[in-house]
């Protein structure tokens, strides 16, 4: 077995300064080449991926902000639409109540008009009945008076009796019409 001490002492291993310098130059050259052709492209790829990941995070954050803004806008719009719907319903209720009141007022007015017409018609019928009764009573009075007095039926006597009877009936009818009965 050969030990390191044997190799150095036997001259198998020569330390040559030129050989050391060439080896150092070769190592530096290899490091530079590796740096240029291996490390920089790998670093460039890593930087690109890092930028892509950061861009993805940034885009995701922007999308999240947009989604939040859209959600807030939708909530605001929904609230506005609800308010508009409430306003429309309130106006519809108010319009319906106004229409209801108008119809009720119109019906009450028509009912009052019908009642007034019925009252006027009743007054006219009552006046007609009184005139008819006056005429019948006048005939009865004239007949009764002519029998009682025993006088002949003359036009002047009939007229006087008739006028007297009408005056009495008018006074009595006035009492009856205005609370006499």
C-alpha atoms as a PDB file:
ATOM      1  CA  UNK A   1       0.000   0.000   0.000  1.00  0.00           C
ATOM      2  CA  UNK A   2       1.205   3.423  -0.883  1.00  0.00           C
ATOM      3  CA  UNK A   3       0.721   6.231   1.584  1.00  0.00           C
ATOM      4  CA  UNK A   4       0.730   9.931   0.796  1.00  0.00           C
ATOM      5  CA  UNK A   5       4.031  10.363   2.504  1.00  0.00           C
ATOM      6  CA  UNK A   6       5.585   7.800   0.212  1.00  0.00           C
ATOM      7  CA  UNK A   7       4.310   9.540  -2.856  1.00  0.00           C
ATOM      8  CA  UNK A   8       5.719  12.918  -1.849  1.00  0.00           C
ATOM      9  CA  UNK A   9       9.022  11.504  -0.769  1.00  0.00           C
ATOM     10  CA  UNK A  10       9.526   9.335  -3.807  1.00  0.00           C
ATOM     11  CA  UNK A  11       9.090  12.137  -6.309  1.00  0.00           C
ATOM     12  CA  UNK A  12       5.999  10.911  -7.891  1.00  0.00           C
ATOM     13  CA  UNK A  13       4.182  14.009  -6.985  1.00  0.00           C
ATOM     14  CA  UNK A  14       5.883  17.111  -8.113  1.00  0.00           C
ATOM     15  CA  UNK A  15       4.588  20.490  -7.111  1.00  0.00           C
ATOM     16  CA  UNK A  16       5.210  22.732  -9.997  1.00  0.00           C
ATOM     17  CA  UNK A  17       4.236  26.402  -9.664  1.00  0.00           C
ATOM     18  CA  UNK A  18       3.343  26.586 -13.344  1.00  0.00           C
ATOM     19  CA  UNK A  19       1.065  23.609 -12.949  1.00  0.00           C
ATOM     20  CA  UNK A  20      -0.647  25.265  -9.945  1.00  0.00           C
ATOM     21  CA  UNK A  21      -1.137  28.524 -11.870  1.00  0.00           C
ATOM     22  CA  UNK A  22      -2.584  26.662 -14.860  1.00  0.00           C
ATOM     23  CA  UNK A  23      -4.910  24.750 -12.587  1.00  0.00           C
ATOM     24  CA  UNK A  24      -6.044  27.981 -10.905  1.00  0.00           C
ATOM     25  CA  UNK A  25      -6.571  29.589 -14.324  1.00  0.00           C
ATOM     26  CA  UNK A  26      -8.513  26.506 -15.492  1.00  0.00           C
ATOM     27  CA  UNK A  27     -10.695  26.630 -12.367  1.00  0.00           C
ATOM     28  CA  UNK A  28     -11.310  30.376 -12.776  1.00  0.00           C
ATOM     29  CA  UNK A  29     -12.053  29.828 -16.483  1.00  0.00           C
ATOM     30  CA  UNK A  30     -14.469  27.017 -15.629  1.00  0.00           C
ATOM     31  CA  UNK A  31     -16.158  29.158 -12.948  1.00  0.00           C
ATOM     32  CA  UNK A  32     -16.536  32.068 -15.409  1.00  0.00           C
ATOM     33  CA  UNK A  33     -17.884  29.774 -18.102  1.00  0.00           C
ATOM     34  CA  UNK A  34     -20.249  28.137 -15.646  1.00  0.00           C
ATOM     35  CA  UNK A  35     -21.309  31.543 -14.431  1.00  0.00           C
ATOM     36  CA  UNK A  36     -21.951  32.792 -17.976  1.00  0.00           C
ATOM     37  CA  UNK A  37     -23.532  29.692 -19.466  1.00  0.00           C
ATOM     38  CA  UNK A  38     -25.083  28.035 -16.459  1.00  0.00           C
ATOM     39  CA  UNK A  39     -25.635  30.351 -13.521  1.00  0.00           C
ATOM     40  CA  UNK A  40     -26.868  33.451 -15.410  1.00  0.00           C
ATOM     41  CA  UNK A  41     -29.460  31.577 -17.540  1.00  0.00           C
ATOM     42  CA  UNK A  42     -30.661  29.676 -14.495  1.00  0.00           C
ATOM     43  CA  UNK A  43     -30.763  32.912 -12.491  1.00  0.00           C
ATOM     44  CA  UNK A  44     -32.596  34.576 -15.395  1.00  0.00           C
ATOM     45  CA  UNK A  45     -35.151  31.728 -15.490  1.00  0.00           C
ATOM     46  CA  UNK A  46     -35.550  31.913 -11.729  1.00  0.00           C
ATOM     47  CA  UNK A  47     -36.023  35.691 -11.917  1.00  0.00           C
ATOM     48  CA  UNK A  48     -38.589  35.276 -14.702  1.00  0.00           C
ATOM     49  CA  UNK A  49     -40.494  32.702 -12.667  1.00  0.00           C
ATOM     50  CA  UNK A  50     -40.298  34.928  -9.634  1.00  0.00           C
ATOM     51  CA  UNK A  51     -41.678  37.834 -11.694  1.00  0.00           C
ATOM     52  CA  UNK A  52     -44.406  35.572 -13.114  1.00  0.00           C
ATOM     53  CA  UNK A  53     -45.362  34.427  -9.628  1.00  0.00           C
ATOM     54  CA  UNK A  54     -45.354  38.020  -8.353  1.00  0.00           C
ATOM     55  CA  UNK A  55     -47.411  39.073 -11.402  1.00  0.00           C
ATOM     56  CA  UNK A  56     -49.799  36.212 -10.668  1.00  0.00           C
ATOM     57  CA  UNK A  57     -50.090  37.310  -7.037  1.00  0.00           C
ATOM     58  CA  UNK A  58     -50.562  40.899  -8.152  1.00  0.00           C
ATOM     59  CA  UNK A  59     -53.184  39.889 -10.719  1.00  0.00           C
ATOM     60  CA  UNK A  60     -54.918  37.708  -8.142  1.00  0.00           C
ATOM     61  CA  UNK A  61     -54.929  40.638  -5.711  1.00  0.00           C
ATOM     62  CA  UNK A  62     -56.320  42.937  -8.428  1.00  0.00           C
ATOM     63  CA  UNK A  63     -58.992  40.343  -9.276  1.00  0.00           C
ATOM     64  CA  UNK A  64     -59.817  40.054  -5.593  1.00  0.00           C
ATOM     65  CA  UNK A  65     -60.116  43.845  -5.327  1.00  0.00           C
ATOM     66  CA  UNK A  66     -62.258  43.926  -8.475  1.00  0.00           C
ATOM     67  CA  UNK A  67     -64.449  41.157  -7.100  1.00  0.00           C
ATOM     68  CA  UNK A  68     -64.775  43.014  -3.802  1.00  0.00           C
ATOM     69  CA  UNK A  69     -65.603  46.241  -5.636  1.00  0.00           C
ATOM     70  CA  UNK A  70     -68.112  44.386  -7.835  1.00  0.00           C
ATOM     71  CA  UNK A  71     -69.652  42.769  -4.783  1.00  0.00           C
ATOM     72  CA  UNK A  72     -69.967  46.149  -3.076  1.00  0.00           C
ATOM     73  CA  UNK A  73     -71.408  47.675  -6.256  1.00  0.00           C
ATOM     74  CA  UNK A  74     -73.905  44.801  -6.556  1.00  0.00           C
ATOM     75  CA  UNK A  75     -74.901  45.235  -2.921  1.00  0.00           C
ATOM     76  CA  UNK A  76     -75.269  48.990  -3.440  1.00  0.00           C
ATOM     77  CA  UNK A  77     -77.273  48.470  -6.654  1.00  0.00           C
ATOM     78  CA  UNK A  78     -79.416  45.873  -4.915  1.00  0.00           C
ATOM     79  CA  UNK A  79     -80.058  48.333  -2.101  1.00  0.00           C
ATOM     80  CA  UNK A  80     -80.925  51.060  -4.620  1.00  0.00           C
ATOM     81  CA  UNK A  81     -83.272  48.709  -6.482  1.00  0.00           C
ATOM     82  CA  UNK A  82     -84.910  47.716  -3.207  1.00  0.00           C
ATOM     83  CA  UNK A  83     -85.354  51.386  -2.324  1.00  0.00           C
ATOM     84  CA  UNK A  84     -86.813  52.062  -5.766  1.00  0.00           C
ATOM     85  CA  UNK A  85     -89.163  49.095  -5.410  1.00  0.00           C
ATOM     86  CA  UNK A  86     -90.241  50.357  -1.992  1.00  0.00           C
ATOM     87  CA  UNK A  87     -90.855  53.821  -3.458  1.00  0.00           C
ATOM     88  CA  UNK A  88     -92.861  52.347  -6.338  1.00  0.00           C
ATOM     89  CA  UNK A  89     -94.917  50.241  -3.915  1.00  0.00           C
ATOM     90  CA  UNK A  90     -95.503  53.236  -1.652  1.00  0.00           C
ATOM     91  CA  UNK A  91     -96.606  55.335  -4.636  1.00  0.00           C
ATOM     92  CA  UNK A  92     -98.852  52.524  -5.869  1.00  0.00           C
ATOM     93  CA  UNK A  93    -100.409  52.216  -2.409  1.00  0.00           C
ATOM     94  CA  UNK A  94    -100.888  55.976  -2.245  1.00  0.00           C
ATOM     95  CA  UNK A  95    -102.422  56.044  -5.730  1.00  0.00           C
ATOM     96  CA  UNK A  96    -104.698  53.129  -4.824  1.00  0.00           C
ATOM     97  CA  UNK A  97    -105.763  54.878  -1.596  1.00  0.00           C
ATOM     98  CA  UNK A  98    -106.430  58.113  -3.531  1.00  0.00           C
ATOM     99  CA  UNK A  99    -108.469  56.208  -6.115  1.00  0.00           C
ATOM    100  CA  UNK A 100    -110.362  54.429  -3.331  1.00  0.00           C
ATOM    101  CA  UNK A 101    -111.100  57.742  -1.627  1.00  0.00           C
ATOM    102  CA  UNK A 102    -112.185  59.286  -4.950  1.00  0.00           C
ATOM    103  CA  UNK A 103    -114.539  56.378  -5.654  1.00  0.00           C
ATOM    104  CA  UNK A 104    -115.982  56.531  -2.121  1.00  0.00           C
ATOM    105  CA  UNK A 105    -116.445  60.316  -2.388  1.00  0.00           C
ATOM    106  CA  UNK A 106    -118.100  59.921  -5.777  1.00  0.00           C
ATOM    107  CA  UNK A 107    -120.404  57.186  -4.438  1.00  0.00           C
ATOM    108  CA  UNK A 108    -121.311  59.327  -1.416  1.00  0.00           C
ATOM    109  CA  UNK A 109    -122.001  62.291  -3.705  1.00  0.00           C
ATOM    110  CA  UNK A 110    -124.208  60.157  -5.936  1.00  0.00           C
ATOM    111  CA  UNK A 111    -126.003  58.748  -2.898  1.00  0.00           C
ATOM    112  CA  UNK A 112    -126.623  62.275  -1.586  1.00  0.00           C
ATOM    113  CA  UNK A 113    -127.861  63.328  -5.022  1.00  0.00           C
ATOM    114  CA  UNK A 114    -130.225  60.334  -5.179  1.00  0.00           C
ATOM    115  CA  UNK A 115    -131.488  61.083  -1.657  1.00  0.00           C
ATOM    116  CA  UNK A 116    -132.038  64.741  -2.537  1.00  0.00           C
ATOM    117  CA  UNK A 117    -133.906  63.746  -5.695  1.00  0.00           C
ATOM    118  CA  UNK A 118    -136.032  61.295  -3.664  1.00  0.00           C
ATOM    119  CA  UNK A 119    -136.781  64.011  -1.095  1.00  0.00           C
ATOM    120  CA  UNK A 120    -137.759  66.471  -3.833  1.00  0.00           C
ATOM    121  CA  UNK A 121    -139.925  63.858  -5.502  1.00  0.00           C
ATOM    122  CA  UNK A 122    -141.572  63.028  -2.173  1.00  0.00           C
ATOM    123  CA  UNK A 123    -142.252  66.740  -1.579  1.00  0.00           C
ATOM    124  CA  UNK A 124    -143.781  67.052  -5.050  1.00  0.00           C
ATOM    125  CA  UNK A 125    -145.931  63.941  -4.534  1.00  0.00           C
ATOM    126  CA  UNK A 126    -146.991  65.202  -1.119  1.00  0.00           C
ATOM    127  CA  UNK A 127    -147.898  68.607  -2.567  1.00  0.00           C
ATOM    128  CA  UNK A 128    -149.840  66.861  -5.338  1.00  0.00           C
ATOM    129  CA  UNK A 129    -151.665  64.716  -2.782  1.00  0.00           C
ATOM    130  CA  UNK A 130    -152.496  67.832  -0.727  1.00  0.00           C
ATOM    131  CA  UNK A 131    -153.832  69.610  -3.823  1.00  0.00           C
ATOM    132  CA  UNK A 132    -155.923  66.586  -4.689  1.00  0.00           C
ATOM    133  CA  UNK A 133    -157.175  66.350  -1.117  1.00  0.00           C
ATOM    134  CA  UNK A 134    -157.957  70.072  -1.081  1.00  0.00           C
ATOM    135  CA  UNK A 135    -159.998  69.745  -4.234  1.00  0.00           C
ATOM    136  CA  UNK A 136    -161.902  66.749  -2.844  1.00  0.00           C
ATOM    137  CA  UNK A 137    -162.423  68.483   0.495  1.00  0.00           C
ATOM    138  CA  UNK A 138    -163.615  71.613  -1.261  1.00  0.00           C
ATOM    139  CA  UNK A 139    -166.218  69.587  -3.129  1.00  0.00           C
ATOM    140  CA  UNK A 140    -167.298  67.888   0.100  1.00  0.00           C
ATOM    141  CA  UNK A 141    -167.447  71.198   1.966  1.00  0.00           C
ATOM    142  CA  UNK A 142    -169.462  72.827  -0.781  1.00  0.00           C
ATOM    143  CA  UNK A 143    -171.858  69.899  -0.824  1.00  0.00           C
ATOM    144  CA  UNK A 144    -172.130  69.801   2.960  1.00  0.00           C
ATOM    145  CA  UNK A 145    -172.495  73.553   3.247  1.00  0.00           C
ATOM    146  CA  UNK A 146    -175.204  73.726   0.635  1.00  0.00           C
ATOM    147  CA  UNK A 147    -177.142  71.026   2.423  1.00  0.00           C
ATOM    148  CA  UNK A 148    -176.683  72.648   5.814  1.00  0.00           C
ATOM    149  CA  UNK A 149    -177.561  76.151   4.748  1.00  0.00           C
ATOM    150  CA  UNK A 150    -180.296  75.010   2.454  1.00  0.00           C
ATOM    151  CA  UNK A 151    -179.354  77.480  -0.115  1.00  0.00           C
ATOM    152  CA  UNK A 152    -178.848  76.913  -3.775  1.00  0.00           C
ATOM    153  CA  UNK A 153    -175.434  76.175  -5.076  1.00  0.00           C
ATOM    154  CA  UNK A 154    -174.301  79.354  -6.547  1.00  0.00           C
ATOM    155  CA  UNK A 155    -170.906  79.977  -7.921  1.00  0.00           C
ATOM    156  CA  UNK A 156    -170.191  82.886  -5.565  1.00  0.00           C
ATOM    157  CA  UNK A 157    -171.053  80.922  -2.442  1.00  0.00           C
ATOM    158  CA  UNK A 158    -169.019  77.962  -3.654  1.00  0.00           C
ATOM    159  CA  UNK A 159    -166.029  80.163  -4.343  1.00  0.00           C
ATOM    160  CA  UNK A 160    -166.159  81.833  -0.918  1.00  0.00           C
ATOM    161  CA  UNK A 161    -166.500  78.514   0.872  1.00  0.00           C
ATOM    162  CA  UNK A 162    -163.702  77.030  -1.186  1.00  0.00           C
ATOM    163  CA  UNK A 163    -161.317  79.931  -0.418  1.00  0.00           C
ATOM    164  CA  UNK A 164    -162.120  79.766   3.285  1.00  0.00           C
ATOM    165  CA  UNK A 165    -161.479  76.031   3.348  1.00  0.00           C
ATOM    166  CA  UNK A 166    -158.136  76.398   1.513  1.00  0.00           C
ATOM    167  CA  UNK A 167    -156.959  78.973   4.005  1.00  0.00           C
ATOM    168  CA  UNK A 168    -157.801  76.680   6.899  1.00  0.00           C
ATOM    169  CA  UNK A 169    -156.175  73.679   5.212  1.00  0.00           C
ATOM    170  CA  UNK A 170    -153.056  75.659   4.335  1.00  0.00           C
ATOM    171  CA  UNK A 171    -152.657  76.680   7.961  1.00  0.00           C
ATOM    172  CA  UNK A 172    -153.193  73.074   9.089  1.00  0.00           C
ATOM    173  CA  UNK A 173    -150.882  71.689   6.373  1.00  0.00           C
ATOM    174  CA  UNK A 174    -148.151  74.136   7.390  1.00  0.00           C
ATOM    175  CA  UNK A 175    -148.366  72.859  10.953  1.00  0.00           C
ATOM    176  CA  UNK A 176    -148.233  69.226   9.744  1.00  0.00           C
ATOM    177  CA  UNK A 177    -145.326  69.816   7.345  1.00  0.00           C
ATOM    178  CA  UNK A 178    -143.181  71.640   9.918  1.00  0.00           C
ATOM    179  CA  UNK A 179    -143.486  69.389  12.908  1.00  0.00           C
ATOM    180  CA  UNK A 180    -147.168  69.677  13.781  1.00  0.00           C
ATOM    181  CA  UNK A 181    -147.478  65.892  13.737  1.00  0.00           C
END
